[in-house]
Structures are given as C-alpha cells and as structure tokens.
Amino acid sequence: MKTIKVVAAVIRKENKIFATARGYGDYKGGWEFPGGKIEPGETSQAALRREILEELDTEISVGDLLDTIEYDYPTFHLSMDCFWCSILKGDLVLKESQEARWLSRDDLDQVAWLPADLTLIGKIREVL
C-alpha cells in the first residue's frame, strides 16, 4: 500500500481551533485540519508553513507536535504530522476548501471529520 506523508495545522486562537471542509476529491465535504503533502527535502514544519500560505493565504507559526497519525484509508496509508499552530499574518482566505469554522471544545462533534483527523479530537479536547 502506498504511503502518503502529510502535515496538518491545528490552528488555535483563544479556545477555538480552525477546521476546513475539503473542496475536492474523494473526500469532498469531509472536515479536516488544513495542510498538505510534504515535498521532497522539506521538513514537516516548512511544508506546513508553505501549505497554509498556499491554501489559506496566511502566515503561521508552527508550534509543538501534537501527534503523528498513522491511518489506513482503503487505497493508501496516511502518515500525518499534526502541529499546534497560531496565525502570524493573514485572514485565512479559503482557496481550496469549501467551508471553514472556528470550533470550541463543545463544537468539536458538530462536523463530520475525516477518519484520520477524527483520531485527534480527543487530544484536542483535553487541551481546549
């Protein structure tokens, strides 16, 4: 099975986190933490800064690693480094996602998370 290495930003502002709904592909409409694929030679942190700038027109500060999720989808294995992040500059402009929300601890179950992202929710709830 093919492994895809990606990064995800758990962007936190006050006691809320930023989530986006996929705007394309097999999992369109599923909720996830923004991010994307790591390019050859890139660190996870550099990939995350680049992806958020490309997808959301926003500069972020990449903080601590929250978790690395290993998840088997039907056609590939996902390895996802998830980092706590904060906004340095920008307004989170949706270029690829169809929708976005700021979710509080109590709102985390109100969206249909993609399976790999769902595995993070318990850890996030402990911190928020």
C-alpha atoms as a PDB file:
ATOM      1  CA  MET A   1       0.000   0.000   0.000  1.00  0.00           C
ATOM      2  CA  LYS A   2       1.255   3.467  -0.908  1.00  0.00           C
ATOM      3  CA  THR A   3       2.124   5.796   1.993  1.00  0.00           C
ATOM      4  CA  ILE A   4       1.337   9.495   1.716  1.00  0.00           C
ATOM      5  CA  LYS A   5       3.196  11.809   4.121  1.00  0.00           C
ATOM      6  CA  VAL A   6       1.290  14.945   5.016  1.00  0.00           C
ATOM      7  CA  VAL A   7       1.196  17.685   7.617  1.00  0.00           C
ATOM      8  CA  ALA A   8      -1.774  19.283   9.337  1.00  0.00           C
ATOM      9  CA  ALA A   9      -2.146  22.562  11.231  1.00  0.00           C
ATOM     10  CA  VAL A  10      -4.252  22.670  14.364  1.00  0.00           C
ATOM     11  CA  ILE A  11      -4.576  26.456  14.322  1.00  0.00           C
ATOM     12  CA  ARG A  12      -5.602  27.718  17.731  1.00  0.00           C
ATOM     13  CA  LYS A  13      -6.967  31.142  18.625  1.00  0.00           C
ATOM     14  CA  GLU A  14      -8.154  31.699  22.179  1.00  0.00           C
ATOM     15  CA  ASN A  15     -10.053  28.490  22.977  1.00  0.00           C
ATOM     16  CA  LYS A  16     -11.041  27.568  19.428  1.00  0.00           C
ATOM     17  CA  ILE A  17      -9.459  25.603  16.605  1.00  0.00           C
ATOM     18  CA  PHE A  18      -9.793  26.138  12.855  1.00  0.00           C
ATOM     19  CA  ALA A  19     -11.252  23.360  10.701  1.00  0.00           C
ATOM     20  CA  THR A  20     -11.940  23.200   6.971  1.00  0.00           C
ATOM     21  CA  ALA A  21     -14.200  21.116   4.743  1.00  0.00           C
ATOM     22  CA  ARG A  22     -12.476  19.590   1.698  1.00  0.00           C
ATOM     23  CA  GLY A  23     -13.459  21.261  -1.539  1.00  0.00           C
ATOM     24  CA  TYR A  24     -12.358  18.493  -3.937  1.00  0.00           C
ATOM     25  CA  GLY A  25     -11.553  14.811  -4.398  1.00  0.00           C
ATOM     26  CA  ASP A  26     -12.889  11.561  -2.981  1.00  0.00           C
ATOM     27  CA  TYR A  27     -13.378  13.048   0.457  1.00  0.00           C
ATOM     28  CA  LYS A  28     -15.017  16.319  -0.614  1.00  0.00           C
ATOM     29  CA  GLY A  29     -17.105  17.813   2.178  1.00  0.00           C
ATOM     30  CA  GLY A  30     -15.259  15.932   4.929  1.00  0.00           C
ATOM     31  CA  TRP A  31     -13.836  18.082   7.709  1.00  0.00           C
ATOM     32  CA  GLU A  32     -10.119  18.197   8.367  1.00  0.00           C
ATOM     33  CA  PHE A  33      -7.272  20.264   9.707  1.00  0.00           C
ATOM     34  CA  PRO A  34      -5.677  22.275   6.880  1.00  0.00           C
ATOM     35  CA  GLY A  35      -2.319  21.209   5.486  1.00  0.00           C
ATOM     36  CA  GLY A  36      -0.983  19.043   2.694  1.00  0.00           C
ATOM     37  CA  LYS A  37       1.782  16.891   1.288  1.00  0.00           C
ATOM     38  CA  ILE A  38       5.420  17.199   2.263  1.00  0.00           C
ATOM     39  CA  GLU A  39       7.637  17.887  -0.761  1.00  0.00           C
ATOM     40  CA  PRO A  40      10.992  16.051  -1.130  1.00  0.00           C
ATOM     41  CA  GLY A  41      13.652  17.708   1.025  1.00  0.00           C
ATOM     42  CA  GLU A  42      11.137  19.697   3.074  1.00  0.00           C
ATOM     43  CA  THR A  43      10.780  19.478   6.836  1.00  0.00           C
ATOM     44  CA  SER A  44       7.286  18.952   8.214  1.00  0.00           C
ATOM     45  CA  GLN A  45       7.302  22.478   9.644  1.00  0.00           C
ATOM     46  CA  ALA A  46       8.404  24.075   6.347  1.00  0.00           C
ATOM     47  CA  ALA A  47       5.781  22.080   4.432  1.00  0.00           C
ATOM     48  CA  LEU A  48       3.084  23.235   6.817  1.00  0.00           C
ATOM     49  CA  ARG A  49       4.035  26.910   6.528  1.00  0.00           C
ATOM     50  CA  ARG A  50       4.057  26.602   2.709  1.00  0.00           C
ATOM     51  CA  GLU A  51       0.747  24.730   2.514  1.00  0.00           C
ATOM     52  CA  ILE A  52      -1.127  27.159   4.779  1.00  0.00           C
ATOM     53  CA  LEU A  53       0.242  30.105   2.806  1.00  0.00           C
ATOM     54  CA  GLU A  54      -0.892  28.440  -0.461  1.00  0.00           C
ATOM     55  CA  GLU A  55      -4.304  27.218   0.745  1.00  0.00           C
ATOM     56  CA  LEU A  56      -5.321  29.986   3.151  1.00  0.00           C
ATOM     57  CA  ASP A  57      -3.125  32.983   2.220  1.00  0.00           C
ATOM     58  CA  THR A  58      -1.973  33.115   5.850  1.00  0.00           C
ATOM     59  CA  GLU A  59       1.401  33.013   7.599  1.00  0.00           C
ATOM     60  CA  ILE A  60       1.512  30.736  10.622  1.00  0.00           C
ATOM     61  CA  SER A  61       3.838  29.959  13.472  1.00  0.00           C
ATOM     62  CA  VAL A  62       4.354  26.194  13.824  1.00  0.00           C
ATOM     63  CA  GLY A  63       4.499  25.070  17.435  1.00  0.00           C
ATOM     64  CA  ASP A  64       4.754  21.702  19.147  1.00  0.00           C
ATOM     65  CA  LEU A  65       3.942  18.396  17.500  1.00  0.00           C
ATOM     66  CA  LEU A  66       0.510  17.325  18.748  1.00  0.00           C
ATOM     67  CA  ASP A  67       0.684  13.823  17.266  1.00  0.00           C
ATOM     68  CA  THR A  68       1.657  11.777  14.231  1.00  0.00           C
ATOM     69  CA  ILE A  69      -1.393   9.931  12.953  1.00  0.00           C
ATOM     70  CA  GLU A  70      -0.961   6.671  11.056  1.00  0.00           C
ATOM     71  CA  TYR A  71      -4.202   5.744   9.299  1.00  0.00           C
ATOM     72  CA  ASP A  72      -5.119   3.202   6.618  1.00  0.00           C
ATOM     73  CA  TYR A  73      -7.596   4.516   4.064  1.00  0.00           C
ATOM     74  CA  PRO A  74      -8.908   1.972   1.509  1.00  0.00           C
ATOM     75  CA  THR A  75      -6.349   2.878  -1.184  1.00  0.00           C
ATOM     76  CA  PHE A  76      -3.406   4.363   0.749  1.00  0.00           C
ATOM     77  CA  HIS A  77      -1.729   4.699   4.156  1.00  0.00           C
ATOM     78  CA  LEU A  78      -1.692   8.225   5.597  1.00  0.00           C
ATOM     79  CA  SER A  79       1.124   9.407   7.851  1.00  0.00           C
ATOM     80  CA  MET A  80       0.145  12.842   9.180  1.00  0.00           C
ATOM     81  CA  ASP A  81       2.297  15.064  11.405  1.00  0.00           C
ATOM     82  CA  CYS A  82      -0.089  17.378  13.280  1.00  0.00           C
ATOM     83  CA  PHE A  83       1.218  20.565  14.884  1.00  0.00           C
ATOM     84  CA  TRP A  84      -0.257  23.224  17.113  1.00  0.00           C
ATOM     85  CA  CYS A  85      -0.118  26.489  15.142  1.00  0.00           C
ATOM     86  CA  SER A  86      -1.013  30.137  15.510  1.00  0.00           C
ATOM     87  CA  ILE A  87      -1.645  32.900  12.989  1.00  0.00           C
ATOM     88  CA  LEU A  88       1.155  35.398  12.389  1.00  0.00           C
ATOM     89  CA  LYS A  89      -0.402  37.325   9.495  1.00  0.00           C
ATOM     90  CA  GLY A  90      -3.411  36.859   7.226  1.00  0.00           C
ATOM     91  CA  ASP A  91      -7.149  36.286   7.220  1.00  0.00           C
ATOM     92  CA  LEU A  92      -7.487  32.541   6.416  1.00  0.00           C
ATOM     93  CA  VAL A  93      -8.795  33.003   2.870  1.00  0.00           C
ATOM     94  CA  LEU A  94     -10.359  29.738   1.600  1.00  0.00           C
ATOM     95  CA  LYS A  95      -8.667  28.915  -1.721  1.00  0.00           C
ATOM     96  CA  GLU A  96      -9.248  25.128  -1.801  1.00  0.00           C
ATOM     97  CA  SER A  97     -11.749  24.397   0.958  1.00  0.00           C
ATOM     98  CA  GLN A  98     -15.497  24.757   0.571  1.00  0.00           C
ATOM     99  CA  GLU A  99     -16.193  25.836   4.141  1.00  0.00           C
ATOM    100  CA  ALA A 100     -14.402  26.612   7.405  1.00  0.00           C
ATOM    101  CA  ARG A 101     -15.331  27.064  11.048  1.00  0.00           C
ATOM    102  CA  TRP A 102     -13.765  28.016  14.354  1.00  0.00           C
ATOM    103  CA  LEU A 103     -14.752  25.249  16.761  1.00  0.00           C
ATOM    104  CA  SER A 104     -14.784  25.420  20.543  1.00  0.00           C
ATOM    105  CA  ARG A 105     -14.329  22.359  22.747  1.00  0.00           C
ATOM    106  CA  ASP A 106     -18.108  21.871  22.792  1.00  0.00           C
ATOM    107  CA  ASP A 107     -18.429  22.227  18.992  1.00  0.00           C
ATOM    108  CA  LEU A 108     -15.869  19.575  18.018  1.00  0.00           C
ATOM    109  CA  ASP A 109     -18.524  16.910  17.363  1.00  0.00           C
ATOM    110  CA  GLN A 110     -20.677  19.165  15.163  1.00  0.00           C
ATOM    111  CA  VAL A 111     -18.775  18.486  11.936  1.00  0.00           C
ATOM    112  CA  ALA A 112     -18.183  15.235  10.012  1.00  0.00           C
ATOM    113  CA  TRP A 113     -14.429  14.739  10.482  1.00  0.00           C
ATOM    114  CA  LEU A 114     -12.441  12.642   8.030  1.00  0.00           C
ATOM    115  CA  PRO A 115     -11.392   9.398   9.785  1.00  0.00           C
ATOM    116  CA  ALA A 116      -7.694  10.251  10.284  1.00  0.00           C
ATOM    117  CA  ASP A 117      -8.477  13.735  11.624  1.00  0.00           C
ATOM    118  CA  LEU A 118     -11.127  12.325  13.965  1.00  0.00           C
ATOM    119  CA  THR A 119      -8.413  10.450  15.872  1.00  0.00           C
ATOM    120  CA  LEU A 120      -7.008  13.829  17.056  1.00  0.00           C
ATOM    121  CA  ILE A 121     -10.222  15.179  18.548  1.00  0.00           C
ATOM    122  CA  GLY A 122      -9.802  13.532  21.952  1.00  0.00           C
ATOM    123  CA  LYS A 123      -6.332  15.020  22.405  1.00  0.00           C
ATOM    124  CA  ILE A 124      -7.501  18.452  21.295  1.00  0.00           C
ATOM    125  CA  ARG A 125     -10.478  18.324  23.654  1.00  0.00           C
ATOM    126  CA  GLU A 126      -8.095  17.692  26.581  1.00  0.00           C
ATOM    127  CA  VAL A 127      -6.196  20.900  25.799  1.00  0.00           C
ATOM    128  CA  LEU A 128      -9.021  23.298  24.914  1.00  0.00           C
END
